[in-house]
Amino acid sequence: MGHIHLVGIGGSGISAIARVLLERGIKITGSDQAETTFSAELRKLGVPITIGHFAENVKGADLVIRTSAVKNDNPEVKAALDAGIPVMRREEYMRILLKDSFTIAVAGTHGKTTTTSMLAWTLTKLGLDPSYIIGSVANNLKGNAHAGKGLGFVIEADEYDRMFLGIDPSVAVITSMEHDHPDCFPTEESYREAFQSFLQNMRPNGLVVLFADQAGTQWLGEQTRGTASRVVSYGEDEKATYQLRNLRRNSLGGNSFDMVHNDELLIHVELSVPGKHNAQNALAALAVCHGLVLPID
């Protein structure tokens, strides 16, 4: 694909795609209604970005990618369609972006940004050079996206507007599931069904990592039984595959805990970030690593 134009490039999701495409050597341009920190960073990398949406912005583009916030009456979308230029929503393009990757997708009502960041950082420190897309800027990684040379692609799988249904993961993490985004999911049932559909998109012999301590994720685990995926769980629940035990404060300003698997201590973990929720996020990331037979120490 020679030239891709991104409408809504100032948002966290579209800007992350832009950065990955740029690092892959693809010519990109973009536009948005206002300048953001994400678009400013892309400008520094040499990406031409227009503030405001104008028909002429899509001239020369081979493909237009638009955020879900941009509707069909947008002047750039209309101009592209009139010119015969393909227009794809973000979730439609994800399958193309990820098609050759071993995709680790992190979904959930809470905790997905942090868990995605922890996974991307861990795999980077293991020397695996993963690609990643995160819903915010990770301080350790100094950005929200990267096109790595490794096989793995770690992505924050956002349920809003059912974006995550454009992902076919090899590994799926569900950090939590509580009814959210009533503009997209008017009922709890519709919200749960979206997560169920997400897991139905798993690639053959995939790995599903579920939070064990919450009713929503427990329900999801029950729906996943009997599928071709391997399902493991994490949390404080005594039935969890990976258990969080002995949570305590430490001298780093965060929490320490023990990670237990089949009643055996796997590793002692020390975090520099506080809160049980971050210990749970770290446990999820480590559960993925152990499930993929990576050196967890």
Protein backbone atom coordinates (compact mmCIF):
# COMPACT_ATOMS: atom_id res chain seq x y z
CA MET A 1 0.00 0.00 0.00
CA GLY A 2 1.71 3.18 -1.21
CA HIS A 3 -0.06 6.02 0.62
CA ILE A 4 -2.50 5.77 3.51
CA HIS A 5 -4.43 8.76 4.85
CA LEU A 6 -5.78 8.59 8.42
CA VAL A 7 -8.81 10.63 9.46
CA GLY A 8 -8.75 11.31 13.19
CA ILE A 9 -4.99 10.88 13.49
CA GLY A 10 -4.87 12.81 16.77
CA GLY A 11 -6.65 10.06 18.70
CA SER A 12 -4.80 7.37 20.63
CA GLY A 13 -6.03 4.51 18.42
CA ILE A 14 -5.49 6.02 14.97
CA SER A 15 -2.18 7.65 15.95
CA ALA A 16 -0.89 4.26 17.10
CA ILE A 17 -1.76 2.69 13.75
CA ALA A 18 -0.06 5.63 12.06
CA ARG A 19 3.15 5.09 14.01
CA VAL A 20 3.24 1.38 13.17
CA LEU A 21 2.66 2.09 9.47
CA LEU A 22 5.32 4.80 9.48
CA GLU A 23 7.87 2.45 11.04
CA ARG A 24 6.98 -0.13 8.39
CA GLY A 25 7.98 2.36 5.72
CA ILE A 26 4.52 3.29 4.46
CA LYS A 27 3.77 6.85 3.39
CA ILE A 28 1.09 8.33 5.63
CA THR A 29 -0.78 11.59 5.99
CA GLY A 30 -3.47 12.54 8.46
CA SER A 31 -6.03 15.05 9.65
CA ASP A 32 -7.99 15.90 12.76
CA GLN A 33 -10.19 18.63 14.18
CA ALA A 34 -7.56 19.77 16.67
CA GLU A 35 -3.92 19.27 17.56
CA THR A 36 -3.18 16.65 20.23
CA THR A 37 -0.03 15.33 21.88
CA PHE A 38 -0.31 12.25 19.65
CA SER A 39 -0.47 14.27 16.42
CA ALA A 40 2.32 16.56 17.63
CA GLU A 41 4.59 13.54 18.13
CA LEU A 42 3.81 12.29 14.64
CA ARG A 43 4.60 15.73 13.22
CA LYS A 44 8.05 15.49 14.81
CA LEU A 45 8.53 12.27 12.87
CA GLY A 46 7.72 14.05 9.62
CA VAL A 47 4.08 13.07 9.12
CA PRO A 48 2.06 15.76 7.23
CA ILE A 49 -1.02 16.48 9.33
CA THR A 50 -3.84 18.92 8.53
CA ILE A 51 -5.97 20.50 11.23
CA GLY A 52 -9.50 20.40 9.85
CA HIS A 53 -11.18 18.00 7.46
CA PHE A 54 -11.06 18.98 3.79
CA ALA A 55 -11.74 16.99 0.63
CA GLU A 56 -8.31 17.79 -0.83
CA ASN A 57 -6.59 16.02 2.10
CA VAL A 58 -7.23 12.60 0.55
CA LYS A 59 -5.71 13.45 -2.83
CA GLY A 60 -3.19 10.79 -3.87
CA ALA A 61 -4.18 8.34 -1.14
CA ASP A 62 -4.53 4.63 -1.94
CA LEU A 63 -6.51 3.94 1.25
CA VAL A 64 -8.31 6.03 3.87
CA ILE A 65 -8.62 4.79 7.46
CA ARG A 66 -11.09 6.58 9.69
CA THR A 67 -11.80 6.58 13.39
CA SER A 68 -15.25 5.40 14.47
CA ALA A 69 -15.99 8.98 15.58
CA VAL A 70 -15.87 10.08 11.93
CA LYS A 71 -19.11 9.48 10.05
CA ASN A 72 -19.93 9.03 6.37
CA ASP A 73 -20.76 12.73 5.92
CA ASN A 74 -17.16 13.72 6.70
CA PRO A 75 -15.80 15.67 3.69
CA GLU A 76 -12.68 13.52 3.44
CA VAL A 77 -14.64 10.27 3.60
CA LYS A 78 -17.09 11.54 0.95
CA ALA A 79 -14.26 12.73 -1.31
CA ALA A 80 -12.48 9.39 -1.03
CA LEU A 81 -15.60 7.40 -1.85
CA ASP A 82 -16.39 9.67 -4.78
CA ALA A 83 -12.85 9.13 -6.09
CA GLY A 84 -13.05 5.35 -5.68
CA ILE A 85 -10.51 5.29 -2.85
CA PRO A 86 -11.25 2.49 -0.34
CA VAL A 87 -12.33 3.73 3.09
CA MET A 88 -11.96 1.46 6.12
CA ARG A 89 -12.89 1.91 9.75
CA ARG A 90 -10.17 1.23 12.29
CA GLU A 91 -11.57 -2.16 13.29
CA GLU A 92 -11.84 -3.23 9.63
CA TYR A 93 -8.18 -2.42 9.04
CA MET A 94 -6.95 -4.29 12.13
CA ARG A 95 -7.19 -7.70 10.43
CA ILE A 96 -4.94 -6.44 7.62
CA LEU A 97 -2.46 -4.90 10.06
CA LEU A 98 -2.27 -8.06 12.20
CA LYS A 99 -2.71 -10.82 9.61
CA ASP A 100 0.89 -12.09 9.70
CA SER A 101 1.42 -11.60 13.44
CA PHE A 102 1.17 -13.74 16.55
CA THR A 103 -1.36 -11.45 18.20
CA ILE A 104 -1.65 -11.02 21.96
CA ALA A 105 -4.83 -9.00 22.57
CA VAL A 106 -5.66 -7.51 25.96
CA ALA A 107 -9.35 -6.71 26.53
CA GLY A 108 -11.43 -5.80 29.56
CA THR A 109 -13.46 -3.03 31.15
CA HIS A 110 -10.56 -2.00 33.40
CA GLY A 111 -6.83 -2.62 33.35
CA LYS A 112 -6.25 -3.25 29.66
CA THR A 113 -3.95 -0.28 29.02
CA THR A 114 -1.68 -1.10 31.96
CA THR A 115 -1.63 -4.82 31.21
CA THR A 116 -0.88 -4.18 27.53
CA SER A 117 1.99 -1.89 28.56
CA MET A 118 3.37 -4.46 31.01
CA LEU A 119 3.26 -7.19 28.37
CA ALA A 120 4.87 -5.04 25.67
CA TRP A 121 7.62 -3.98 28.11
CA THR A 122 8.25 -7.54 29.30
CA LEU A 123 8.52 -8.96 25.78
CA THR A 124 10.79 -6.06 24.81
CA LYS A 125 13.08 -6.74 27.78
CA LEU A 126 13.17 -10.41 26.74
CA GLY A 127 14.68 -9.26 23.43
CA LEU A 128 11.67 -10.33 21.36
CA ASP A 129 11.12 -6.86 19.83
CA PRO A 130 7.32 -7.08 19.66
CA SER A 131 5.09 -4.71 17.78
CA TYR A 132 2.53 -3.08 20.03
CA ILE A 133 -0.41 -0.68 20.14
CA ILE A 134 -1.33 0.77 23.53
CA GLY A 135 -4.24 3.06 24.37
CA SER A 136 -1.95 5.57 26.06
CA VAL A 137 1.73 6.48 26.28
CA ALA A 138 3.78 3.95 28.26
CA ASN A 139 6.58 5.74 30.12
CA ASN A 140 8.99 2.79 29.91
CA LEU A 141 8.44 2.41 26.16
CA LYS A 142 8.27 6.18 25.52
CA GLY A 143 5.32 5.86 23.18
CA ASN A 144 2.03 4.20 22.38
CA ALA A 145 3.07 2.06 19.41
CA HIS A 146 5.97 0.35 17.69
CA ALA A 147 6.52 -1.82 14.62
CA GLY A 148 8.88 -4.48 15.93
CA LYS A 149 10.90 -7.01 13.99
CA GLY A 150 9.63 -9.90 16.12
CA LEU A 151 6.65 -12.13 15.38
CA GLY A 152 4.54 -10.97 18.33
CA PHE A 153 2.07 -8.07 18.23
CA VAL A 154 0.66 -6.91 21.58
CA ILE A 155 -2.48 -4.85 21.20
CA GLU A 156 -4.97 -3.21 23.51
CA ALA A 157 -8.30 -4.61 22.34
CA ASP A 158 -10.89 -1.89 22.92
CA GLU A 159 -14.50 -3.03 23.12
CA TYR A 160 -15.90 0.43 22.34
CA ASP A 161 -17.87 0.35 19.08
CA ARG A 162 -16.89 -3.36 18.97
CA MET A 163 -13.43 -2.46 17.67
CA PHE A 164 -11.94 -5.64 19.14
CA LEU A 165 -14.06 -7.78 16.85
CA GLY A 166 -11.58 -6.89 14.09
CA ILE A 167 -8.88 -8.88 15.91
CA ASP A 168 -8.26 -12.63 15.60
CA PRO A 169 -5.98 -13.24 18.59
CA SER A 170 -3.57 -16.07 19.23
CA VAL A 171 -3.63 -15.06 22.90
CA ALA A 172 -6.51 -13.17 24.53
CA VAL A 173 -6.45 -11.63 28.01
CA ILE A 174 -9.69 -10.52 29.68
CA THR A 175 -8.82 -8.34 32.68
CA SER A 176 -12.40 -7.65 33.81
CA MET A 177 -15.92 -7.43 32.46
CA GLU A 178 -18.50 -5.01 33.86
CA HIS A 179 -21.25 -3.33 31.86
CA ASP A 180 -19.85 -0.17 30.24
CA HIS A 181 -20.37 2.09 27.19
CA PRO A 182 -24.20 2.06 27.22
CA ASP A 183 -24.17 4.11 24.00
CA CYS A 184 -22.81 1.00 22.25
CA PHE A 185 -24.13 -1.69 24.59
CA PRO A 186 -27.57 -0.77 25.95
CA THR A 187 -27.76 -3.88 28.13
CA GLU A 188 -25.35 -5.97 30.15
CA GLU A 189 -26.27 -8.91 27.95
CA SER A 190 -25.17 -7.09 24.78
CA TYR A 191 -21.88 -6.15 26.48
CA ARG A 192 -21.21 -9.74 27.51
CA GLU A 193 -22.12 -11.05 24.07
CA ALA A 194 -19.51 -8.75 22.49
CA PHE A 195 -16.77 -10.27 24.66
CA GLN A 196 -18.06 -13.74 23.84
CA SER A 197 -17.85 -12.92 20.12
CA PHE A 198 -14.32 -11.60 20.63
CA LEU A 199 -13.21 -14.96 22.04
CA GLN A 200 -14.99 -16.78 19.21
CA ASN A 201 -12.50 -15.08 16.87
CA MET A 202 -9.56 -16.89 18.52
CA ARG A 203 -7.10 -18.51 16.15
CA PRO A 204 -6.77 -22.33 16.37
CA ASN A 205 -5.11 -23.63 19.54
CA GLY A 206 -5.18 -20.18 21.13
CA LEU A 207 -4.59 -19.25 24.76
CA VAL A 208 -7.27 -17.41 26.78
CA VAL A 209 -6.23 -15.79 30.08
CA LEU A 210 -9.22 -14.79 32.24
CA PHE A 211 -9.47 -12.86 35.52
CA ALA A 212 -10.80 -15.33 38.09
CA ASP A 213 -12.18 -12.98 40.75
CA GLN A 214 -15.16 -11.41 39.00
CA ALA A 215 -18.62 -12.64 38.07
CA GLY A 216 -18.45 -11.34 34.48
CA THR A 217 -15.18 -13.05 33.61
CA GLN A 218 -16.27 -16.21 35.42
CA TRP A 219 -19.36 -16.28 33.18
CA LEU A 220 -17.13 -15.78 30.14
CA GLY A 221 -14.98 -18.70 31.21
CA GLU A 222 -18.05 -20.92 31.37
CA GLN A 223 -19.00 -19.91 27.82
CA THR A 224 -15.48 -20.73 26.60
CA ARG A 225 -15.46 -24.30 27.91
CA GLY A 226 -15.35 -26.91 25.20
CA THR A 227 -13.76 -24.61 22.61
CA ALA A 228 -10.48 -25.27 20.84
CA SER A 229 -8.70 -22.69 23.00
CA ARG A 230 -6.68 -23.42 26.14
CA VAL A 231 -8.25 -21.44 28.98
CA VAL A 232 -6.37 -20.42 32.14
CA SER A 233 -7.30 -18.01 34.92
CA TYR A 234 -5.52 -15.67 37.31
CA GLY A 235 -6.38 -13.93 40.57
CA GLU A 236 -6.81 -14.61 44.27
CA ASP A 237 -9.54 -17.22 43.80
CA GLU A 238 -8.32 -20.59 45.09
CA LYS A 239 -9.37 -22.23 41.82
CA ALA A 240 -7.31 -19.83 39.67
CA THR A 241 -4.62 -21.37 37.50
CA TYR A 242 -2.26 -18.59 38.55
CA GLN A 243 -2.79 -17.31 42.07
CA LEU A 244 -1.82 -13.99 43.61
CA ARG A 245 -0.71 -14.58 47.21
CA ASN A 246 0.96 -12.65 50.04
CA LEU A 247 0.23 -9.19 48.63
CA ARG A 248 2.16 -6.55 50.62
CA ARG A 249 3.73 -3.11 50.36
CA ASN A 250 7.40 -2.82 49.50
CA SER A 251 10.21 -0.29 49.65
CA LEU A 252 9.80 0.62 45.95
CA GLY A 253 6.52 2.41 46.65
CA GLY A 254 4.53 -0.44 45.17
CA ASN A 255 3.39 -3.92 46.09
CA SER A 256 5.05 -7.31 46.20
CA PHE A 257 3.33 -10.65 45.78
CA ASP A 258 3.94 -14.32 45.11
CA MET A 259 2.80 -15.94 41.88
CA VAL A 260 1.65 -19.50 42.55
CA HIS A 261 0.85 -22.16 39.96
CA ASN A 262 -0.60 -25.55 40.93
CA ASP A 263 0.20 -24.78 44.57
CA GLU A 264 3.87 -24.19 43.76
CA LEU A 265 5.64 -20.85 43.96
CA LEU A 266 6.61 -19.74 40.46
CA ILE A 267 8.15 -16.36 41.20
CA HIS A 268 8.29 -13.54 43.73
CA VAL A 269 7.25 -10.25 42.11
CA GLU A 270 8.16 -6.71 43.19
CA LEU A 271 6.36 -3.80 41.55
CA SER A 272 7.16 -0.11 41.68
CA VAL A 273 3.48 0.73 41.18
CA PRO A 274 0.94 0.49 44.03
CA GLY A 275 -2.49 -1.10 44.32
CA LYS A 276 -3.93 -4.58 44.17
CA HIS A 277 -5.24 -3.80 40.68
CA ASN A 278 -1.69 -3.36 39.38
CA ALA A 279 -0.61 -6.59 41.03
CA GLN A 280 -3.49 -8.28 39.19
CA ASN A 281 -2.42 -6.64 35.92
CA ALA A 282 1.15 -7.85 36.42
CA LEU A 283 -0.10 -11.34 37.23
CA ALA A 284 -2.03 -11.37 33.94
CA ALA A 285 1.06 -10.37 31.97
CA LEU A 286 3.16 -13.01 33.71
CA ALA A 287 0.47 -15.65 33.14
CA VAL A 288 0.73 -14.98 29.40
CA CYS A 289 4.51 -15.33 29.52
CA HIS A 290 4.31 -18.58 31.47
CA GLY A 291 1.59 -19.90 29.15
CA LEU A 292 3.88 -19.20 26.18
CA VAL A 293 6.80 -20.94 27.90
CA LEU A 294 8.86 -17.77 28.12
CA PRO A 295 11.54 -17.33 30.83
CA ILE A 296 9.33 -15.92 33.56
CA ASP A 297 12.17 -15.16 36.00
